[in-house]
Protein backbone atom coordinates (compact mmCIF):
# COMPACT_ATOMS: atom_id res chain seq x y z
CA MET A 1 -6.98 -11.29 -4.71
CA GLY A 2 -10.00 -9.05 -5.49
CA HIS A 3 -12.32 -11.47 -3.70
CA ALA A 4 -9.92 -11.50 -0.66
CA LEU A 5 -9.94 -7.70 -0.50
CA ALA A 6 -13.71 -7.48 -0.94
CA GLY A 7 -14.06 -10.09 1.79
CA ILE A 8 -12.26 -7.83 4.33
CA GLY A 9 -14.50 -4.91 3.41
CA VAL A 10 -12.55 -3.05 0.70
CA GLY A 11 -14.98 -1.53 -1.76
CA ARG A 12 -15.17 0.51 -4.91
CA GLY A 13 -13.26 3.87 -4.65
CA GLU A 14 -11.44 3.02 -1.45
CA ARG A 15 -7.69 3.44 -1.37
CA ILE A 16 -5.47 0.58 -0.32
CA PHE A 17 -1.72 0.84 0.47
CA VAL A 18 0.40 -1.87 -1.12
CA MET A 19 3.76 -2.22 0.51
CA LEU A 20 5.56 -5.09 -1.27
CA PRO A 21 8.73 -5.36 -3.27
CA ARG A 22 8.22 -5.73 -7.05
CA ILE A 23 7.51 -9.41 -7.14
CA ALA A 24 4.63 -11.40 -8.59
CA GLU A 25 2.40 -10.78 -5.51
CA TRP A 26 2.77 -7.00 -5.99
CA TYR A 27 1.22 -7.25 -9.36
CA VAL A 28 -1.46 -9.62 -8.09
CA ALA A 29 -2.42 -7.20 -5.31
CA LEU A 30 -2.59 -4.20 -7.61
CA LEU A 31 -4.63 -6.01 -10.31
CA GLY A 32 -6.93 -7.40 -7.68
CA ALA A 33 -7.61 -3.98 -6.31
CA ILE A 34 -8.23 -2.54 -9.65
CA ARG A 35 -10.60 -5.42 -10.50
CA ILE A 36 -12.95 -4.60 -7.60
CA GLY A 37 -12.66 -0.81 -8.21
CA ALA A 38 -10.38 0.09 -5.34
CA VAL A 39 -7.52 2.49 -5.87
CA PRO A 40 -4.08 0.94 -5.05
CA VAL A 41 -1.41 3.27 -3.69
CA ARG A 42 2.05 2.13 -4.33
CA CYS A 43 4.84 2.39 -1.75
CA TRP A 44 8.32 3.44 -2.72
CA ARG A 45 11.41 2.03 -0.93
CA GLY A 46 12.17 5.53 0.28
CA LEU A 47 9.22 5.32 2.72
CA ARG A 48 10.99 2.67 4.89
CA THR A 49 11.94 3.58 8.39
CA GLY A 50 15.48 4.84 8.76
CA LEU A 51 16.10 5.95 5.20
CA ARG A 52 15.14 9.54 5.78
CA ARG A 53 16.36 11.66 8.61
CA PRO A 54 14.00 14.32 10.05
CA THR A 55 14.82 17.89 9.16
CA ARG A 56 14.50 18.98 12.78
CA PRO A 57 14.94 17.05 16.03
CA LEU A 58 11.95 15.00 17.23
CA PRO A 59 10.48 16.06 20.56
CA THR A 60 11.24 13.80 23.47
CA PRO A 61 8.31 12.57 25.60
């Protein structure tokens, strides 16, 4: 996975957003990012669309 990330231009110190459930691929993505020096950012289930309501009404276009 580290080679795949490096192949698309991810380098040392860059942050990558990993949005996967906790399955084997999640660990592979995180460890691959760490191996090339990137900083993986985990995504929590609470960030999915529809789970949080806005505190004020959204403007209509």
